């Protein structure tokens, strides 16, 4: 019988739901997750100490992507009782603190010049957050193309087990694309 495989993915709050739900304990068919403009910082209004990063399930391959011009994350830091040093700080901290890694199937990619809504096309002004964002400083079609390629390679490598996708991901790690500020794996 064919076993159904589900990959969770999303942007912003939807990405947070995806990365927090990436566990076979919740959904046995889930095999990987990705998120853009996402982190696991805990809100102080919920009683957490300032700048707390909550752990993630860390049982499946995970790809976190953040943009260096994410004004929504940067301008929402007060919700977490802090001021982030950079727009990507909570995304990076989530990668470094919320998952232990060690399986070489978790990735963090920071995209130079991408803002919070670079992931979405067409842009949806009804989200209620656009006024917080910074302008993208790189061509957004190139940003989206890079993200789509990376997400595809991540899925092909860690879900479909395609050797060529692993090789291409390694190539991205070693020979960075001009829009990649940083790319890490653990």
Foldseek 3Di string as FASTA:
>chain_A
DDQAADEQEEAEPSLQCRQQCQDCVNPVRYAEYEYELDAQQDFCVVVDAARDGAAHPQPHQYEYEYEQQAQLQQVCSVRRVDHAPTSCRRVVCRQVPRHDAPPQRYKYWYFYQDYRCLQDPPDDPPPPRPVRTDHRPDPSVVVNVVVVLLVVLSCCCRPVVDPVSVVVVVCCQVPPDPGTPHMDTD
